[in-house]
PDB file of all heavy atoms in Angstrom:
ATOM      1  N   TYR A   1      80.017  78.102 -17.122  1.00  0.00           N
ATOM      2  CA  TYR A   1      81.400  77.789 -17.523  1.00  0.00           C
ATOM      3  C   TYR A   1      82.266  79.049 -17.487  1.00  0.00           C
ATOM      4  O   TYR A   1      81.732  80.166 -17.617  1.00  0.00           O
ATOM      5  CB  TYR A   1      81.412  77.215 -18.948  1.00  0.00           C
ATOM      6  CG  TYR A   1      80.983  75.768 -19.021  1.00  0.00           C
ATOM      7  CD1 TYR A   1      79.694  75.424 -19.422  1.00  0.00           C
ATOM      8  CD2 TYR A   1      81.862  74.737 -18.682  1.00  0.00           C
ATOM      9  CE1 TYR A   1      79.289  74.098 -19.484  1.00  0.00           C
ATOM     10  CE2 TYR A   1      81.467  73.406 -18.744  1.00  0.00           C
ATOM     11  CZ  TYR A   1      80.189  73.097 -19.146  1.00  0.00           C
ATOM     12  OH  TYR A   1      79.791  71.777 -19.202  1.00  0.00           O
ATOM     13  N   PRO A   2      83.591  78.896 -17.319  1.00  0.00           N
ATOM     14  CA  PRO A   2      84.476  80.057 -17.318  1.00  0.00           C
ATOM     15  C   PRO A   2      84.291  80.881 -18.604  1.00  0.00           C
ATOM     16  O   PRO A   2      84.277  80.314 -19.699  1.00  0.00           O
ATOM     17  CB  PRO A   2      85.885  79.438 -17.282  1.00  0.00           C
ATOM     18  CG  PRO A   2      85.691  78.082 -16.697  1.00  0.00           C
ATOM     19  CD  PRO A   2      84.332  77.638 -17.141  1.00  0.00           C
ATOM     20  N   GLY A   3      84.096  82.153 -18.440  1.00  0.00           N
ATOM     21  CA  GLY A   3      83.912  83.020 -19.608  1.00  0.00           C
ATOM     22  C   GLY A   3      82.500  82.989 -20.170  1.00  0.00           C
ATOM     23  O   GLY A   3      82.187  83.706 -21.126  1.00  0.00           O
ATOM     24  N   GLY A   4      81.634  82.159 -19.587  1.00  0.00           N
ATOM     25  CA  GLY A   4      80.248  82.061 -20.074  1.00  0.00           C
ATOM     26  C   GLY A   4      79.446  83.287 -19.712  1.00  0.00           C
ATOM     27  O   GLY A   4      79.642  83.890 -18.648  1.00  0.00           O
ATOM     28  N   THR A   5      78.537  83.665 -20.604  1.00  0.00           N
ATOM     29  CA  THR A   5      77.724  84.859 -20.348  1.00  0.00           C
ATOM     30  C   THR A   5      76.422  84.510 -19.620  1.00  0.00           C
ATOM     31  O   THR A   5      75.782  85.367 -19.027  1.00  0.00           O
ATOM     32  CB  THR A   5      77.367  85.582 -21.665  1.00  0.00           C
ATOM     33  OG1 THR A   5      76.774  84.626 -22.560  1.00  0.00           O
ATOM     34  CG2 THR A   5      78.616  86.158 -22.314  1.00  0.00           C
ATOM     35  N   LYS A   6      76.032  83.227 -19.693  1.00  0.00           N
ATOM     36  CA  LYS A   6      74.831  82.791 -18.967  1.00  0.00           C
ATOM     37  C   LYS A   6      75.030  81.360 -18.487  1.00  0.00           C
ATOM     38  O   LYS A   6      75.857  80.615 -19.032  1.00  0.00           O
ATOM     39  CB  LYS A   6      73.583  82.915 -19.847  1.00  0.00           C
ATOM     40  CG  LYS A   6      73.588  82.013 -21.068  1.00  0.00           C
ATOM     41  CD  LYS A   6      72.234  82.083 -21.762  1.00  0.00           C
ATOM     42  CE  LYS A   6      72.184  81.038 -22.885  1.00  0.00           C
ATOM     43  NZ  LYS A   6      70.865  80.938 -23.496  1.00  0.00           N
ATOM     44  N   PRO A   7      74.296  80.940 -17.455  1.00  0.00           N
ATOM     45  CA  PRO A   7      74.470  79.588 -16.924  1.00  0.00           C
ATOM     46  C   PRO A   7      74.109  78.506 -17.947  1.00  0.00           C
ATOM     47  O   PRO A   7      73.212  78.692 -18.771  1.00  0.00           O
ATOM     48  CB  PRO A   7      73.493  79.536 -15.737  1.00  0.00           C
ATOM     49  CG  PRO A   7      73.204  80.954 -15.397  1.00  0.00           C
ATOM     50  CD  PRO A   7      73.300  81.709 -16.686  1.00  0.00           C
ATOM     51  N   SER A   8      74.829  77.362 -17.888  1.00  0.00           N
ATOM     52  CA  SER A   8      74.498  76.212 -18.741  1.00  0.00           C
ATOM     53  C   SER A   8      73.359  75.411 -18.135  1.00  0.00           C
ATOM     54  O   SER A   8      72.573  74.795 -18.843  1.00  0.00           O
ATOM     55  CB  SER A   8      75.724  75.322 -18.912  1.00  0.00           C
ATOM     56  OG  SER A   8      76.662  75.957 -19.732  1.00  0.00           O
ATOM     57  N   ILE A   9      73.310  75.383 -16.794  1.00  0.00           N
ATOM     58  CA  ILE A   9      72.151  74.808 -16.102  1.00  0.00           C
ATOM     59  C   ILE A   9      71.696  75.802 -15.035  1.00  0.00           C
ATOM     60  O   ILE A   9      72.516  76.506 -14.442  1.00  0.00           O
ATOM     61  CB  ILE A   9      72.460  73.428 -15.460  1.00  0.00           C
ATOM     62  CG1 ILE A   9      73.679  73.491 -14.540  1.00  0.00           C
ATOM     63  CG2 ILE A   9      72.627  72.360 -16.507  1.00  0.00           C
ATOM     64  CD1 ILE A   9      73.911  72.209 -13.743  1.00  0.00           C
ATOM     65  N   THR A  10      70.397  75.853 -14.812  1.00  0.00           N
ATOM     66  CA  THR A  10      69.821  76.859 -13.901  1.00  0.00           C
ATOM     67  C   THR A  10      68.800  76.226 -12.962  1.00  0.00           C
ATOM     68  O   THR A  10      67.849  75.588 -13.422  1.00  0.00           O
ATOM     69  CB  THR A  10      69.137  77.984 -14.715  1.00  0.00           C
ATOM     70  OG1 THR A  10      70.082  78.519 -15.651  1.00  0.00           O
ATOM     71  CG2 THR A  10      68.644  79.084 -13.804  1.00  0.00           C
ATOM     72  N   ASP A  11      69.024  76.394 -11.661  1.00  0.00           N
ATOM     73  CA  ASP A  11      68.051  75.953 -10.633  1.00  0.00           C
ATOM     74  C   ASP A  11      67.589  74.503 -10.820  1.00  0.00           C
ATOM     75  O   ASP A  11      66.397  74.210 -10.738  1.00  0.00           O
ATOM     76  CB  ASP A  11      66.820  76.883 -10.621  1.00  0.00           C
ATOM     77  CG  ASP A  11      67.137  78.230  -9.999  1.00  0.00           C
ATOM     78  OD1 ASP A  11      68.038  78.288  -9.148  1.00  0.00           O
ATOM     79  OD2 ASP A  11      66.498  79.226 -10.384  1.00  0.00           O
ATOM     80  N   VAL A  12      68.539  73.622 -11.073  1.00  0.00           N
ATOM     81  CA  VAL A  12      68.188  72.205 -11.268  1.00  0.00           C
ATOM     82  C   VAL A  12      68.042  71.529  -9.905  1.00  0.00           C
ATOM     83  O   VAL A  12      68.991  71.443  -9.133  1.00  0.00           O
ATOM     84  CB  VAL A  12      69.256  71.479 -12.114  1.00  0.00           C
ATOM     85  CG1 VAL A  12      68.991  69.970 -12.144  1.00  0.00           C
ATOM     86  CG2 VAL A  12      69.272  72.042 -13.536  1.00  0.00           C
ATOM     87  N   SER A  13      66.838  71.056  -9.621  1.00  0.00           N
ATOM     88  CA  SER A  13      66.563  70.328  -8.373  1.00  0.00           C
ATOM     89  C   SER A  13      65.953  68.975  -8.737  1.00  0.00           C
ATOM     90  O   SER A  13      64.808  68.912  -9.188  1.00  0.00           O
ATOM     91  CB  SER A  13      65.599  71.112  -7.482  1.00  0.00           C
ATOM     92  OG  SER A  13      66.172  72.338  -7.078  1.00  0.00           O
ATOM     93  N   ILE A  14      66.740  67.914  -8.587  1.00  0.00           N
ATOM     94  CA  ILE A  14      66.253  66.573  -8.927  1.00  0.00           C
ATOM     95  C   ILE A  14      66.679  65.574  -7.848  1.00  0.00           C
ATOM     96  O   ILE A  14      67.625  65.818  -7.093  1.00  0.00           O
ATOM     97  CB  ILE A  14      66.786  66.074 -10.293  1.00  0.00           C
ATOM     98  CG1 ILE A  14      68.333  66.047 -10.309  1.00  0.00           C
ATOM     99  CG2 ILE A  14      66.242  66.898 -11.438  1.00  0.00           C
ATOM    100  CD1 ILE A  14      68.929  65.331 -11.489  1.00  0.00           C
ATOM    101  N   THR A  15      65.968  64.458  -7.807  1.00  0.00           N
ATOM    102  CA  THR A  15      66.336  63.346  -6.922  1.00  0.00           C
ATOM    103  C   THR A  15      66.272  62.060  -7.722  1.00  0.00           C
ATOM    104  O   THR A  15      65.265  61.787  -8.388  1.00  0.00           O
ATOM    105  CB  THR A  15      65.356  63.250  -5.729  1.00  0.00           C
ATOM    106  OG1 THR A  15      65.422  64.460  -4.981  1.00  0.00           O
ATOM    107  CG2 THR A  15      65.730  62.085  -4.817  1.00  0.00           C
ATOM    108  N   ILE A  16      67.352  61.291  -7.689  1.00  0.00           N
ATOM    109  CA  ILE A  16      67.383  59.975  -8.345  1.00  0.00           C
ATOM    110  C   ILE A  16      67.618  58.939  -7.262  1.00  0.00           C
ATOM    111  O   ILE A  16      68.571  59.043  -6.485  1.00  0.00           O
ATOM    112  CB  ILE A  16      68.473  59.919  -9.433  1.00  0.00           C
ATOM    113  CG1 ILE A  16      68.103  60.879 -10.573  1.00  0.00           C
ATOM    114  CG2 ILE A  16      68.643  58.490  -9.959  1.00  0.00           C
ATOM    115  CD1 ILE A  16      69.169  61.059 -11.631  1.00  0.00           C
ATOM    116  N   GLU A  17      66.720  57.961  -7.195  1.00  0.00           N
ATOM    117  CA  GLU A  17      66.782  56.947  -6.141  1.00  0.00           C
ATOM    118  C   GLU A  17      67.762  55.829  -6.499  1.00  0.00           C
ATOM    119  O   GLU A  17      68.008  55.556  -7.672  1.00  0.00           O
ATOM    120  CB  GLU A  17      65.390  56.336  -5.920  1.00  0.00           C
ATOM    121  CG  GLU A  17      64.304  57.331  -5.536  1.00  0.00           C
ATOM    122  CD  GLU A  17      64.497  57.932  -4.155  1.00  0.00           C
ATOM    123  OE1 GLU A  17      65.039  57.232  -3.274  1.00  0.00           O
ATOM    124  OE2 GLU A  17      64.108  59.095  -3.937  1.00  0.00           O
ATOM    125  N   LYS A  18      68.286  55.189  -5.475  1.00  0.00           N
ATOM    126  CA  LYS A  18      69.190  54.057  -5.660  1.00  0.00           C
ATOM    127  C   LYS A  18      68.492  52.947  -6.450  1.00  0.00           C
ATOM    128  O   LYS A  18      67.351  52.605  -6.173  1.00  0.00           O
ATOM    129  CB  LYS A  18      69.624  53.529  -4.292  1.00  0.00           C
ATOM    130  CG  LYS A  18      70.747  52.510  -4.342  1.00  0.00           C
ATOM    131  CD  LYS A  18      71.231  52.196  -2.934  1.00  0.00           C
ATOM    132  CE  LYS A  18      72.269  51.095  -2.924  1.00  0.00           C
ATOM    133  NZ  LYS A  18      73.475  51.390  -3.693  1.00  0.00           N
ATOM    134  N   GLY A  19      69.161  52.425  -7.474  1.00  0.00           N
ATOM    135  CA  GLY A  19      68.619  51.330  -8.274  1.00  0.00           C
ATOM    136  C   GLY A  19      67.743  51.761  -9.432  1.00  0.00           C
ATOM    137  O   GLY A  19      67.285  50.927 -10.213  1.00  0.00           O
ATOM    138  N   GLU A  20      67.517  53.062  -9.587  1.00  0.00           N
ATOM    139  CA  GLU A  20      66.680  53.539 -10.702  1.00  0.00           C
ATOM    140  C   GLU A  20      67.437  53.478 -12.024  1.00  0.00           C
ATOM    141  O   GLU A  20      68.664  53.506 -12.068  1.00  0.00           O
ATOM    142  CB  GLU A  20      66.243  54.993 -10.464  1.00  0.00           C
ATOM    143  CG  GLU A  20      65.035  55.124  -9.575  1.00  0.00           C
ATOM    144  CD  GLU A  20      64.469  56.536  -9.554  1.00  0.00           C
ATOM    145  OE1 GLU A  20      65.198  57.521  -9.810  1.00  0.00           O
ATOM    146  OE2 GLU A  20      63.281  56.657  -9.260  1.00  0.00           O
ATOM    147  N   PHE A  21      66.663  53.422 -13.110  1.00  0.00           N
ATOM    148  CA  PHE A  21      67.203  53.624 -14.454  1.00  0.00           C
ATOM    149  C   PHE A  21      66.599  54.941 -14.915  1.00  0.00           C
ATOM    150  O   PHE A  21      65.446  55.007 -15.329  1.00  0.00           O
ATOM    151  CB  PHE A  21      66.784  52.476 -15.379  1.00  0.00           C
ATOM    152  CG  PHE A  21      67.522  52.447 -16.700  1.00  0.00           C
ATOM    153  CD1 PHE A  21      68.262  51.330 -17.071  1.00  0.00           C
ATOM    154  CD2 PHE A  21      67.481  53.531 -17.570  1.00  0.00           C
ATOM    155  CE1 PHE A  21      68.953  51.286 -18.279  1.00  0.00           C
ATOM    156  CE2 PHE A  21      68.169  53.503 -18.777  1.00  0.00           C
ATOM    157  CZ  PHE A  21      68.898  52.372 -19.141  1.00  0.00           C
ATOM    158  N   ALA A  22      67.374  56.013 -14.775  1.00  0.00           N
ATOM    159  CA  ALA A  22      66.879  57.357 -15.081  1.00  0.00           C
ATOM    160  C   ALA A  22      67.377  57.799 -16.457  1.00  0.00           C
ATOM    161  O   ALA A  22      68.549  57.626 -16.790  1.00  0.00           O
ATOM    162  CB  ALA A  22      67.337  58.341 -14.015  1.00  0.00           C
ATOM    163  N   LEU A  23      66.472  58.359 -17.219  1.00  0.00           N
ATOM    164  CA  LEU A  23      66.783  58.831 -18.567  1.00  0.00           C
ATOM    165  C   LEU A  23      66.695  60.350 -18.576  1.00  0.00           C
ATOM    166  O   LEU A  23      65.685  60.915 -18.153  1.00  0.00           O
ATOM    167  CB  LEU A  23      65.762  58.213 -19.534  1.00  0.00           C
ATOM    168  CG  LEU A  23      65.852  58.519 -21.020  1.00  0.00           C
ATOM    169  CD1 LEU A  23      67.194  58.109 -21.599  1.00  0.00           C
ATOM    170  CD2 LEU A  23      64.727  57.790 -21.760  1.00  0.00           C
ATOM    171  N   ILE A  24      67.783  61.005 -19.009  1.00  0.00           N
ATOM    172  CA  ILE A  24      67.781  62.472 -19.119  1.00  0.00           C
ATOM    173  C   ILE A  24      67.807  62.814 -20.599  1.00  0.00           C
ATOM    174  O   ILE A  24      68.676  62.348 -21.347  1.00  0.00           O
ATOM    175  CB  ILE A  24      69.003  63.099 -18.405  1.00  0.00           C
ATOM    176  CG1 ILE A  24      68.995  62.745 -16.910  1.00  0.00           C
ATOM    177  CG2 ILE A  24      69.002  64.612 -18.576  1.00  0.00           C
ATOM    178  CD1 ILE A  24      70.190  63.282 -16.129  1.00  0.00           C
ATOM    179  N   THR A  25      66.842  63.612 -21.032  1.00  0.00           N
ATOM    180  CA  THR A  25      66.763  63.949 -22.451  1.00  0.00           C
ATOM    181  C   THR A  25      66.342  65.397 -22.620  1.00  0.00           C
ATOM    182  O   THR A  25      66.017  66.085 -21.645  1.00  0.00           O
ATOM    183  CB  THR A  25      65.803  62.982 -23.179  1.00  0.00           C
ATOM    184  OG1 THR A  25      65.964  63.136 -24.588  1.00  0.00           O
ATOM    185  CG2 THR A  25      64.353  63.226 -22.787  1.00  0.00           C
ATOM    186  N   GLY A  26      66.354  65.849 -23.857  1.00  0.00           N
ATOM    187  CA  GLY A  26      65.994  67.230 -24.155  1.00  0.00           C
ATOM    188  C   GLY A  26      66.703  67.668 -25.423  1.00  0.00           C
ATOM    189  O   GLY A  26      67.604  66.982 -25.914  1.00  0.00           O
ATOM    190  N   PRO A  27      66.331  68.829 -25.960  1.00  0.00           N
ATOM    191  CA  PRO A  27      66.959  69.317 -27.193  1.00  0.00           C
ATOM    192  C   PRO A  27      68.466  69.514 -27.033  1.00  0.00           C
ATOM    193  O   PRO A  27      68.972  69.655 -25.919  1.00  0.00           O
ATOM    194  CB  PRO A  27      66.265  70.670 -27.432  1.00  0.00           C
ATOM    195  CG  PRO A  27      65.020  70.620 -26.614  1.00  0.00           C
ATOM    196  CD  PRO A  27      65.320  69.745 -25.444  1.00  0.00           C
ATOM    197  N   SER A  28      69.182  69.525 -28.144  1.00  0.00           N
ATOM    198  CA  SER A  28      70.633  69.727 -28.136  1.00  0.00           C
ATOM    199  C   SER A  28      70.979  71.050 -27.443  1.00  0.00           C
ATOM    200  O   SER A  28      70.300  72.058 -27.653  1.00  0.00           O
ATOM    201  CB  SER A  28      71.144  69.751 -29.579  1.00  0.00           C
ATOM    202  OG  SER A  28      72.534  69.873 -29.600  1.00  0.00           O
ATOM    203  N   GLY A  29      72.016  71.010 -26.582  1.00  0.00           N
ATOM    204  CA  GLY A  29      72.455  72.221 -25.889  1.00  0.00           C
ATOM    205  C   GLY A  29      71.621  72.602 -24.681  1.00  0.00           C
ATOM    206  O   GLY A  29      71.725  73.724 -24.172  1.00  0.00           O
ATOM    207  N   CYS A  30      70.806  71.649 -24.187  1.00  0.00           N
ATOM    208  CA  CYS A  30      69.906  71.994 -23.070  1.00  0.00           C
ATOM    209  C   CYS A  30      70.560  71.844 -21.698  1.00  0.00           C
ATOM    210  O   CYS A  30      69.940  72.117 -20.679  1.00  0.00           O
ATOM    211  CB  CYS A  30      68.632  71.146 -23.132  1.00  0.00           C
ATOM    212  SG  CYS A  30      68.910  69.401 -22.772  1.00  0.00           S
ATOM    213  N   GLY A  31      71.813  71.362 -21.645  1.00  0.00           N
ATOM    214  CA  GLY A  31      72.516  71.267 -20.357  1.00  0.00           C
ATOM    215  C   GLY A  31      72.696  69.850 -19.832  1.00  0.00           C
ATOM    216  O   GLY A  31      73.174  69.658 -18.710  1.00  0.00           O
ATOM    217  N   LYS A  32      72.368  68.844 -20.635  1.00  0.00           N
ATOM    218  CA  LYS A  32      72.438  67.444 -20.181  1.00  0.00           C
ATOM    219  C   LYS A  32      73.867  67.034 -19.821  1.00  0.00           C
ATOM    220  O   LYS A  32      74.109  66.458 -18.761  1.00  0.00           O
ATOM    221  CB  LYS A  32      71.899  66.493 -21.268  1.00  0.00           C
ATOM    222  CG  LYS A  32      70.488  66.778 -21.737  1.00  0.00           C
ATOM    223  CD  LYS A  32      69.990  65.760 -22.753  1.00  0.00           C
ATOM    224  CE  LYS A  32      70.730  65.738 -24.071  1.00  0.00           C
ATOM    225  NZ  LYS A  32      70.446  66.874 -24.952  1.00  0.00           N
ATOM    226  N   THR A  33      74.805  67.327 -20.710  1.00  0.00           N
ATOM    227  CA  THR A  33      76.207  66.942 -20.480  1.00  0.00           C
ATOM    228  C   THR A  33      76.785  67.689 -19.282  1.00  0.00           C
ATOM    229  O   THR A  33      77.519  67.119 -18.471  1.00  0.00           O
ATOM    230  CB  THR A  33      77.056  67.205 -21.746  1.00  0.00           C
ATOM    231  OG1 THR A  33      76.605  66.324 -22.775  1.00  0.00           O
ATOM    232  CG2 THR A  33      78.540  66.949 -21.485  1.00  0.00           C
ATOM    233  N   THR A  34      76.445  68.951 -19.143  1.00  0.00           N
ATOM    234  CA  THR A  34      76.921  69.740 -17.996  1.00  0.00           C
ATOM    235  C   THR A  34      76.452  69.114 -16.689  1.00  0.00           C
ATOM    236  O   THR A  34      77.229  68.981 -15.732  1.00  0.00           O
ATOM    237  CB  THR A  34      76.402  71.196 -18.104  1.00  0.00           C
ATOM    238  OG1 THR A  34      76.907  71.778 -19.307  1.00  0.00           O
ATOM    239  CG2 THR A  34      76.840  72.032 -16.911  1.00  0.00           C
ATOM    240  N   LEU A  35      75.195  68.684 -16.660  1.00  0.00           N
ATOM    241  CA  LEU A  35      74.662  68.050 -15.452  1.00  0.00           C
ATOM    242  C   LEU A  35      75.423  66.764 -15.136  1.00  0.00           C
ATOM    243  O   LEU A  35      75.758  66.496 -13.975  1.00  0.00           O
ATOM    244  CB  LEU A  35      73.166  67.761 -15.636  1.00  0.00           C
ATOM    245  CG  LEU A  35      72.400  67.269 -14.409  1.00  0.00           C
ATOM    246  CD1 LEU A  35      72.533  68.243 -13.241  1.00  0.00           C
ATOM    247  CD2 LEU A  35      70.929  67.039 -14.740  1.00  0.00           C
ATOM    248  N   CYS A  36      75.743  65.973 -16.155  1.00  0.00           N
ATOM    249  CA  CYS A  36      76.526  64.744 -15.958  1.00  0.00           C
ATOM    250  C   CYS A  36      77.895  65.043 -15.345  1.00  0.00           C
ATOM    251  O   CYS A  36      78.389  64.290 -14.500  1.00  0.00           O
ATOM    252  CB  CYS A  36      76.745  64.022 -17.289  1.00  0.00           C
ATOM    253  SG  CYS A  36      75.313  63.130 -17.847  1.00  0.00           S
ATOM    254  N   ARG A  37      78.506  66.116 -15.786  1.00  0.00           N
ATOM    255  CA  ARG A  37      79.833  66.494 -15.270  1.00  0.00           C
ATOM    256  C   ARG A  37      79.764  66.894 -13.798  1.00  0.00           C
ATOM    257  O   ARG A  37      80.757  66.779 -13.085  1.00  0.00           O
ATOM    258  CB  ARG A  37      80.413  67.628 -16.118  1.00  0.00           C
ATOM    259  CG  ARG A  37      80.840  67.186 -17.503  1.00  0.00           C
ATOM    260  CD  ARG A  37      81.192  68.360 -18.398  1.00  0.00           C
ATOM    261  NE  ARG A  37      81.654  67.908 -19.708  1.00  0.00           N
ATOM    262  CZ  ARG A  37      81.791  68.696 -20.771  1.00  0.00           C
ATOM    263  NH1 ARG A  37      81.510  69.992 -20.668  1.00  0.00           N
ATOM    264  NH2 ARG A  37      82.220  68.201 -21.909  1.00  0.00           N
ATOM    265  N   CYS A  38      78.595  67.359 -13.377  1.00  0.00           N
ATOM    266  CA  CYS A  38      78.407  67.672 -11.953  1.00  0.00           C
ATOM    267  C   CYS A  38      78.309  66.379 -11.137  1.00  0.00           C
ATOM    268  O   CYS A  38      78.757  66.321  -9.993  1.00  0.00           O
ATOM    269  CB  CYS A  38      77.132  68.487 -11.744  1.00  0.00           C
ATOM    270  SG  CYS A  38      77.159  70.133 -12.451  1.00  0.00           S
TER     271      CYS A  38
END
């Protein structure tokens, strides 16, 4: 993010197939919302 001192997400490589129901989870502040914004 602008002014950020370190990345919010790092080296994320994923594939989601058409028609899947994919669940993204993890501890608070782990980068889930940032990934959604991408």
